[in-house]
Amino acid sequence: MFRDPRGGHNRKLVNENFFKTWSPNMAYVLGLILADGAVEDVRKSSRTCYFQITNTDNVLLNKVRKILSSNHKFQVRQPQLIDFKGKKYMCSKVFYLRIGNKAMFQDLVNLGVTPRKSLRLNLPNVPEELLRFLVRGYFDGDGCVNIYQPKNRKRPWTNVIFTSGCRQFLEKLKQKLEILPKAHASKIYFNHRAYRLGYRNRQALAVLNFIYEELNLAPYMIRKHKIYQQALST
């Protein structure tokens, strides 16, 4: 079924069976929702349930929309100035893809995505061969990679960081990534009101090599992948 006949927002197209079967694309989108998404049950007021994906990269979000066979329009939040610890910061433009579908909502709940998930996030029981795609999706939502030159070092360092409000989620992610030969020495720490799982240098490259294998089987954020390519060259 691609169309919900009940009317309203649900008349828009979407593949409501998308989250029923594991695939590289499904694992990637699920990872993105775990990072920068949300689910909402509003059946009392508007007869349906929603899930939402948020990102600053509208090119990536458009790829996700196509994968979902969706014709929903993006909502946009324009750049705005925020106050954090007494300092002013300009936030980037943010794009939202919001889809109303009770079946997809329930599938996501069954996979561990719950309303107000930030403090009780669970790592789904993803098939081992699809783990890299789920981690790639989470990385494109709540991960970062950077290269910097430390003092008294000849070569630049590469950092990879996963962020979450739930320490337990990062502990499970860390455990999963310990299957990689050089990714066992990571650490979890608290900074700026969130927990962070950090990898450096060889550990970071081991994680990046893992998530970018089979590159064309699922989307990826071009900007972060370019930094990965730069890290390989340095």
C-alpha atoms as a PDB file:
ATOM      1  CA  MET A   1       0.000   0.000   0.000  1.00  0.00           C
ATOM      2  CA  PHE A   2       1.302   3.423  -0.950  1.00  0.00           C
ATOM      3  CA  ARG A   3      -1.704   5.577  -0.105  1.00  0.00           C
ATOM      4  CA  ASP A   4      -3.720   5.963   3.071  1.00  0.00           C
ATOM      5  CA  PRO A   5      -7.380   6.522   2.041  1.00  0.00           C
ATOM      6  CA  ARG A   6      -8.490   8.256   5.238  1.00  0.00           C
ATOM      7  CA  GLY A   7      -7.882  11.770   3.946  1.00  0.00           C
ATOM      8  CA  GLY A   8      -6.024  14.797   5.230  1.00  0.00           C
ATOM      9  CA  HIS A   9      -2.244  14.621   5.464  1.00  0.00           C
ATOM     10  CA  ASN A  10      -2.371  10.874   4.836  1.00  0.00           C
ATOM     11  CA  ARG A  11      -3.469  11.281   1.212  1.00  0.00           C
ATOM     12  CA  LYS A  12       0.173  11.920   0.315  1.00  0.00           C
ATOM     13  CA  LEU A  13       2.209   9.056  -1.099  1.00  0.00           C
ATOM     14  CA  VAL A  14       4.557   6.912   0.958  1.00  0.00           C
ATOM     15  CA  ASN A  15       5.583   3.250   1.008  1.00  0.00           C
ATOM     16  CA  GLU A  16       4.031   2.239   4.308  1.00  0.00           C
ATOM     17  CA  ASN A  17       5.742  -1.178   4.202  1.00  0.00           C
ATOM     18  CA  PHE A  18       9.205   0.389   4.165  1.00  0.00           C
ATOM     19  CA  PHE A  19      10.148  -0.467   7.769  1.00  0.00           C
ATOM     20  CA  LYS A  20       8.748  -4.013   7.687  1.00  0.00           C
ATOM     21  CA  THR A  21      11.735  -5.601   5.921  1.00  0.00           C
ATOM     22  CA  TRP A  22      15.437  -5.052   6.608  1.00  0.00           C
ATOM     23  CA  SER A  23      17.532  -3.707   3.723  1.00  0.00           C
ATOM     24  CA  PRO A  24      20.520  -1.330   3.388  1.00  0.00           C
ATOM     25  CA  ASN A  25      18.187   1.611   2.707  1.00  0.00           C
ATOM     26  CA  MET A  26      15.837   0.698   5.534  1.00  0.00           C
ATOM     27  CA  ALA A  27      18.735   0.346   8.007  1.00  0.00           C
ATOM     28  CA  TYR A  28      20.161   3.704   6.911  1.00  0.00           C
ATOM     29  CA  VAL A  29      16.871   5.591   7.276  1.00  0.00           C
ATOM     30  CA  LEU A  30      16.241   3.938  10.641  1.00  0.00           C
ATOM     31  CA  GLY A  31      19.676   5.084  11.812  1.00  0.00           C
ATOM     32  CA  LEU A  32      18.908   8.610  10.659  1.00  0.00           C
ATOM     33  CA  ILE A  33      15.622   8.585  12.585  1.00  0.00           C
ATOM     34  CA  LEU A  34      17.354   7.274  15.716  1.00  0.00           C
ATOM     35  CA  ALA A  35      19.684  10.274  15.499  1.00  0.00           C
ATOM     36  CA  ASP A  36      17.651  13.162  14.127  1.00  0.00           C
ATOM     37  CA  GLY A  37      14.105  11.899  14.002  1.00  0.00           C
ATOM     38  CA  ALA A  38      11.028  11.579  16.147  1.00  0.00           C
ATOM     39  CA  VAL A  39       7.714   9.772  16.333  1.00  0.00           C
ATOM     40  CA  GLU A  40       4.480  11.262  17.609  1.00  0.00           C
ATOM     41  CA  ASP A  41       1.096   9.717  18.432  1.00  0.00           C
ATOM     42  CA  VAL A  42      -1.607  12.344  17.877  1.00  0.00           C
ATOM     43  CA  ARG A  43      -4.557  10.066  17.176  1.00  0.00           C
ATOM     44  CA  LYS A  44      -6.681  11.894  19.754  1.00  0.00           C
ATOM     45  CA  SER A  45      -6.431  15.172  17.853  1.00  0.00           C
ATOM     46  CA  SER A  46      -5.725  14.342  14.198  1.00  0.00           C
ATOM     47  CA  ARG A  47      -6.534  10.632  13.731  1.00  0.00           C
ATOM     48  CA  THR A  48      -2.995   9.538  12.889  1.00  0.00           C
ATOM     49  CA  CYS A  49       0.620   9.213  13.999  1.00  0.00           C
ATOM     50  CA  TYR A  50       3.690  10.883  12.579  1.00  0.00           C
ATOM     51  CA  PHE A  51       7.370  10.275  12.172  1.00  0.00           C
ATOM     52  CA  GLN A  52       9.768  13.045  11.326  1.00  0.00           C
ATOM     53  CA  ILE A  53      13.321  13.213   9.982  1.00  0.00           C
ATOM     54  CA  THR A  54      15.351  16.372  10.516  1.00  0.00           C
ATOM     55  CA  ASN A  55      18.590  17.388   8.841  1.00  0.00           C
ATOM     56  CA  THR A  56      20.485  20.439   7.644  1.00  0.00           C
ATOM     57  CA  ASP A  57      21.307  18.733   4.332  1.00  0.00           C
ATOM     58  CA  ASN A  58      18.308  19.012   2.014  1.00  0.00           C
ATOM     59  CA  VAL A  59      20.092  16.986  -0.708  1.00  0.00           C
ATOM     60  CA  LEU A  60      20.409  14.023   1.664  1.00  0.00           C
ATOM     61  CA  LEU A  61      16.848  14.430   2.903  1.00  0.00           C
ATOM     62  CA  ASN A  62      15.579  14.475  -0.667  1.00  0.00           C
ATOM     63  CA  LYS A  63      17.321  11.130  -1.291  1.00  0.00           C
ATOM     64  CA  VAL A  64      15.583   9.734   1.779  1.00  0.00           C
ATOM     65  CA  ARG A  65      12.236  11.044   0.555  1.00  0.00           C
ATOM     66  CA  LYS A  66      12.706   9.214  -2.750  1.00  0.00           C
ATOM     67  CA  ILE A  67      13.670   5.996  -0.966  1.00  0.00           C
ATOM     68  CA  LEU A  68      10.433   6.238   1.029  1.00  0.00           C
ATOM     69  CA  SER A  69       8.455   6.744  -2.222  1.00  0.00           C
ATOM     70  CA  SER A  70       7.150   9.913  -0.614  1.00  0.00           C
ATOM     71  CA  ASN A  71       5.833  13.111  -2.157  1.00  0.00           C
ATOM     72  CA  HIS A  72       5.642  14.982   1.153  1.00  0.00           C
ATOM     73  CA  LYS A  73       6.984  18.521   1.102  1.00  0.00           C
ATOM     74  CA  PHE A  74       9.807  19.672   3.353  1.00  0.00           C
ATOM     75  CA  GLN A  75       9.170  22.047   6.196  1.00  0.00           C
ATOM     76  CA  VAL A  76      11.944  24.566   6.753  1.00  0.00           C
ATOM     77  CA  ARG A  77      13.255  26.418   9.790  1.00  0.00           C
ATOM     78  CA  GLN A  78      15.287  29.413   8.739  1.00  0.00           C
ATOM     79  CA  PRO A  79      18.681  30.202  10.383  1.00  0.00           C
ATOM     80  CA  GLN A  80      18.234  31.747  13.803  1.00  0.00           C
ATOM     81  CA  LEU A  81      20.353  33.174  16.575  1.00  0.00           C
ATOM     82  CA  ILE A  82      20.455  31.206  19.833  1.00  0.00           C
ATOM     83  CA  ASP A  83      22.012  31.877  23.226  1.00  0.00           C
ATOM     84  CA  PHE A  84      24.152  29.080  24.709  1.00  0.00           C
ATOM     85  CA  LYS A  85      26.154  29.638  27.912  1.00  0.00           C
ATOM     86  CA  GLY A  86      26.075  33.376  27.391  1.00  0.00           C
ATOM     87  CA  LYS A  87      27.328  33.253  23.810  1.00  0.00           C
ATOM     88  CA  LYS A  88      25.381  33.904  20.632  1.00  0.00           C
ATOM     89  CA  TYR A  89      25.398  31.296  17.854  1.00  0.00           C
ATOM     90  CA  MET A  90      23.766  31.296  14.427  1.00  0.00           C
ATOM     91  CA  CYS A  91      22.030  27.980  13.752  1.00  0.00           C
ATOM     92  CA  SER A  92      21.921  26.545  10.249  1.00  0.00           C
ATOM     93  CA  LYS A  93      18.788  26.221   8.166  1.00  0.00           C
ATOM     94  CA  VAL A  94      16.992  22.989   9.089  1.00  0.00           C
ATOM     95  CA  PHE A  95      14.772  20.827   6.886  1.00  0.00           C
ATOM     96  CA  TYR A  96      12.004  18.567   8.198  1.00  0.00           C
ATOM     97  CA  LEU A  97      10.342  15.609   6.477  1.00  0.00           C
ATOM     98  CA  ARG A  98       7.140  14.820   8.425  1.00  0.00           C
ATOM     99  CA  ILE A  99       5.001  11.859   7.395  1.00  0.00           C
ATOM    100  CA  GLY A 100       1.713  10.744   8.890  1.00  0.00           C
ATOM    101  CA  ASN A 101       1.111   6.991   8.820  1.00  0.00           C
ATOM    102  CA  LYS A 102      -0.035   4.776  11.687  1.00  0.00           C
ATOM    103  CA  ALA A 103       1.428   1.577  10.232  1.00  0.00           C
ATOM    104  CA  MET A 104       4.888   3.100   9.804  1.00  0.00           C
ATOM    105  CA  PHE A 105       4.667   4.657  13.261  1.00  0.00           C
ATOM    106  CA  GLN A 106       3.954   1.244  14.792  1.00  0.00           C
ATOM    107  CA  ASP A 107       6.771  -0.392  12.838  1.00  0.00           C
ATOM    108  CA  LEU A 108       9.203   2.220  14.163  1.00  0.00           C
ATOM    109  CA  VAL A 109       7.957   1.722  17.730  1.00  0.00           C
ATOM    110  CA  ASN A 110       8.482  -2.029  17.300  1.00  0.00           C
ATOM    111  CA  LEU A 111      12.039  -1.287  16.191  1.00  0.00           C
ATOM    112  CA  GLY A 112      12.720   0.729  19.339  1.00  0.00           C
ATOM    113  CA  VAL A 113      11.920   4.287  18.258  1.00  0.00           C
ATOM    114  CA  THR A 114       9.613   5.723  20.906  1.00  0.00           C
ATOM    115  CA  PRO A 115       8.125   9.163  21.579  1.00  0.00           C
ATOM    116  CA  ARG A 116      10.540  11.392  23.514  1.00  0.00           C
ATOM    117  CA  LYS A 117      13.277   8.889  22.769  1.00  0.00           C
ATOM    118  CA  SER A 118      16.336  11.034  23.487  1.00  0.00           C
ATOM    119  CA  LEU A 119      16.894   9.754  27.047  1.00  0.00           C
ATOM    120  CA  ARG A 120      15.785   6.140  26.488  1.00  0.00           C
ATOM    121  CA  LEU A 121      17.073   5.305  23.041  1.00  0.00           C
ATOM    122  CA  ASN A 122      17.538   1.643  22.162  1.00  0.00           C
ATOM    123  CA  LEU A 123      19.834   0.134  19.556  1.00  0.00           C
ATOM    124  CA  PRO A 124      17.656  -2.103  17.331  1.00  0.00           C
ATOM    125  CA  ASN A 125      18.539  -5.739  16.786  1.00  0.00           C
ATOM    126  CA  VAL A 126      19.902  -5.077  13.297  1.00  0.00           C
ATOM    127  CA  PRO A 127      21.181  -7.961  11.139  1.00  0.00           C
ATOM    128  CA  GLU A 128      24.969  -8.039  11.329  1.00  0.00           C
ATOM    129  CA  GLU A 129      25.433  -7.552   7.580  1.00  0.00           C
ATOM    130  CA  LEU A 130      23.356  -4.348   7.731  1.00  0.00           C
ATOM    131  CA  LEU A 131      24.930  -2.808  10.827  1.00  0.00           C
ATOM    132  CA  ARG A 132      27.199  -0.483   8.795  1.00  0.00           C
ATOM    133  CA  PHE A 133      24.183   1.112   7.102  1.00  0.00           C
ATOM    134  CA  LEU A 134      22.363   1.799  10.364  1.00  0.00           C
ATOM    135  CA  VAL A 135      25.544   3.266  11.879  1.00  0.00           C
ATOM    136  CA  ARG A 136      26.080   5.352   8.722  1.00  0.00           C
ATOM    137  CA  GLY A 137      22.569   6.763   9.056  1.00  0.00           C
ATOM    138  CA  TYR A 138      23.105   7.583  12.726  1.00  0.00           C
ATOM    139  CA  PHE A 139      26.485   9.136  11.885  1.00  0.00           C
ATOM    140  CA  ASP A 140      24.902  11.376   9.234  1.00  0.00           C
ATOM    141  CA  GLY A 141      22.364  12.518  11.817  1.00  0.00           C
ATOM    142  CA  ASP A 142      24.220  12.764  15.137  1.00  0.00           C
ATOM    143  CA  GLY A 143      27.853  12.143  14.232  1.00  0.00           C
ATOM    144  CA  CYS A 144      30.752  14.290  13.160  1.00  0.00           C
ATOM    145  CA  VAL A 145      34.216  13.856  11.682  1.00  0.00           C
ATOM    146  CA  ASN A 146      37.018  16.387  11.678  1.00  0.00           C
ATOM    147  CA  ILE A 147      40.713  16.610  10.919  1.00  0.00           C
ATOM    148  CA  TYR A 148      43.010  18.868  12.913  1.00  0.00           C
ATOM    149  CA  GLN A 149      46.718  19.432  13.457  1.00  0.00           C
ATOM    150  CA  PRO A 150      47.827  19.007  17.101  1.00  0.00           C
ATOM    151  CA  LYS A 151      50.846  20.857  18.384  1.00  0.00           C
ATOM    152  CA  ASN A 152      54.128  18.939  18.281  1.00  0.00           C
ATOM    153  CA  ARG A 153      52.675  16.343  15.882  1.00  0.00           C
ATOM    154  CA  LYS A 154      53.887  15.718  12.363  1.00  0.00           C
ATOM    155  CA  ARG A 155      50.619  14.341  11.043  1.00  0.00           C
ATOM    156  CA  PRO A 156      47.014  15.546  11.378  1.00  0.00           C
ATOM    157  CA  TRP A 157      44.610  13.685  13.634  1.00  0.00           C
ATOM    158  CA  THR A 158      41.176  12.428  12.656  1.00  0.00           C
ATOM    159  CA  ASN A 159      38.289  12.444  15.121  1.00  0.00           C
ATOM    160  CA  VAL A 160      34.941  10.651  14.827  1.00  0.00           C
ATOM    161  CA  ILE A 161      32.243  11.393  17.405  1.00  0.00           C
ATOM    162  CA  PHE A 162      28.744   9.960  17.897  1.00  0.00           C
ATOM    163  CA  THR A 163      26.413  12.008  20.107  1.00  0.00           C
ATOM    164  CA  SER A 164      23.325  10.978  22.088  1.00  0.00           C
ATOM    165  CA  GLY A 165      21.339  12.008  25.127  1.00  0.00           C
ATOM    166  CA  CYS A 166      21.323   8.328  26.180  1.00  0.00           C
ATOM    167  CA  ARG A 167      24.579   6.852  27.466  1.00  0.00           C
ATOM    168  CA  GLN A 168      23.188   3.311  27.280  1.00  0.00           C
ATOM    169  CA  PHE A 169      22.652   3.650  23.521  1.00  0.00           C
ATOM    170  CA  LEU A 170      26.267   4.718  22.983  1.00  0.00           C
ATOM    171  CA  GLU A 171      27.524   1.886  25.180  1.00  0.00           C
ATOM    172  CA  LYS A 172      25.660  -0.623  23.000  1.00  0.00           C
ATOM    173  CA  LEU A 173      26.948   1.066  19.843  1.00  0.00           C
ATOM    174  CA  LYS A 174      30.495   0.950  21.207  1.00  0.00           C
ATOM    175  CA  GLN A 175      30.088  -2.760  21.940  1.00  0.00           C
ATOM    176  CA  LYS A 176      28.848  -3.414  18.397  1.00  0.00           C
ATOM    177  CA  LEU A 177      31.769  -1.548  16.846  1.00  0.00           C
ATOM    178  CA  GLU A 178      34.298  -3.521  18.877  1.00  0.00           C
ATOM    179  CA  ILE A 179      34.047  -6.198  16.189  1.00  0.00           C
ATOM    180  CA  LEU A 180      36.380  -3.917  14.207  1.00  0.00           C
ATOM    181  CA  PRO A 181      40.061  -4.774  14.807  1.00  0.00           C
ATOM    182  CA  LYS A 182      41.189  -1.230  15.658  1.00  0.00           C
ATOM    183  CA  ALA A 183      38.042   0.297  17.159  1.00  0.00           C
ATOM    184  CA  HIS A 184      38.193  -1.108  20.704  1.00  0.00           C
ATOM    185  CA  ALA A 185      39.809   1.816  22.538  1.00  0.00           C
ATOM    186  CA  SER A 186      36.974   4.361  22.258  1.00  0.00           C
ATOM    187  CA  LYS A 187      35.608   6.318  25.206  1.00  0.00           C
ATOM    188  CA  ILE A 188      32.258   7.785  26.253  1.00  0.00           C
ATOM    189  CA  TYR A 189      32.173  11.177  27.945  1.00  0.00           C
ATOM    190  CA  PHE A 190      29.674  13.904  28.794  1.00  0.00           C
ATOM    191  CA  ASN A 191      30.003  17.318  27.182  1.00  0.00           C
ATOM    192  CA  HIS A 192      27.586  20.149  26.305  1.00  0.00           C
ATOM    193  CA  ARG A 193      24.521  18.408  27.762  1.00  0.00           C
ATOM    194  CA  ALA A 194      25.009  15.166  25.794  1.00  0.00           C
ATOM    195  CA  TYR A 195      27.025  11.958  25.835  1.00  0.00           C
ATOM    196  CA  ARG A 196      29.690  11.438  23.189  1.00  0.00           C
ATOM    197  CA  LEU A 197      31.398   8.323  21.880  1.00  0.00           C
ATOM    198  CA  GLY A 198      34.769   9.312  20.450  1.00  0.00           C
ATOM    199  CA  TYR A 199      37.303   7.619  18.172  1.00  0.00           C
ATOM    200  CA  ARG A 200      40.688   9.013  17.145  1.00  0.00           C
ATOM    201  CA  ASN A 201      43.167   8.341  14.342  1.00  0.00           C
ATOM    202  CA  ARG A 202      43.358   4.615  13.510  1.00  0.00           C
ATOM    203  CA  GLN A 203      40.240   3.928  15.540  1.00  0.00           C
ATOM    204  CA  ALA A 204      38.401   6.684  13.681  1.00  0.00           C
ATOM    205  CA  LEU A 205      39.527   5.420  10.287  1.00  0.00           C
ATOM    206  CA  ALA A 206      38.504   1.871  11.212  1.00  0.00           C
ATOM    207  CA  VAL A 207      34.983   3.116  11.980  1.00  0.00           C
ATOM    208  CA  LEU A 208      34.818   5.221   8.801  1.00  0.00           C
ATOM    209  CA  ASN A 209      36.143   2.369   6.645  1.00  0.00           C
ATOM    210  CA  PHE A 210      33.412   0.169   8.088  1.00  0.00           C
ATOM    211  CA  ILE A 211      30.449   2.504   7.553  1.00  0.00           C
ATOM    212  CA  TYR A 212      31.521   3.491   4.034  1.00  0.00           C
ATOM    213  CA  GLU A 213      31.909  -0.050   2.723  1.00  0.00           C
ATOM    214  CA  GLU A 214      29.298  -0.912   0.090  1.00  0.00           C
ATOM    215  CA  LEU A 215      28.926   2.813  -0.382  1.00  0.00           C
ATOM    216  CA  ASN A 216      26.319   2.803  -3.120  1.00  0.00           C
ATOM    217  CA  LEU A 217      23.824   0.485  -1.415  1.00  0.00           C
ATOM    218  CA  ALA A 218      22.458   3.280   0.789  1.00  0.00           C
ATOM    219  CA  PRO A 219      22.646   7.095   0.967  1.00  0.00           C
ATOM    220  CA  TYR A 220      25.478   9.009   2.599  1.00  0.00           C
ATOM    221  CA  MET A 221      26.158  12.649   3.382  1.00  0.00           C
ATOM    222  CA  ILE A 222      28.550  13.944   0.745  1.00  0.00           C
ATOM    223  CA  ARG A 223      30.172  16.519   3.035  1.00  0.00           C
ATOM    224  CA  LYS A 224      31.177  13.964   5.679  1.00  0.00           C
ATOM    225  CA  HIS A 225      32.345  11.459   3.094  1.00  0.00           C
ATOM    226  CA  LYS A 226      34.663  14.095   1.595  1.00  0.00           C
ATOM    227  CA  ILE A 227      36.284  14.600   5.006  1.00  0.00           C
ATOM    228  CA  TYR A 228      36.755  10.822   5.218  1.00  0.00           C
ATOM    229  CA  GLN A 229      38.508  10.837   1.839  1.00  0.00           C
ATOM    230  CA  GLN A 230      40.727  13.662   3.045  1.00  0.00           C
ATOM    231  CA  ALA A 231      41.576  11.687   6.181  1.00  0.00           C
ATOM    232  CA  LEU A 232      42.656   8.736   4.056  1.00  0.00           C
ATOM    233  CA  SER A 233      45.021  10.941   2.089  1.00  0.00           C
ATOM    234  CA  THR A 234      46.653  12.353   5.231  1.00  0.00           C
END
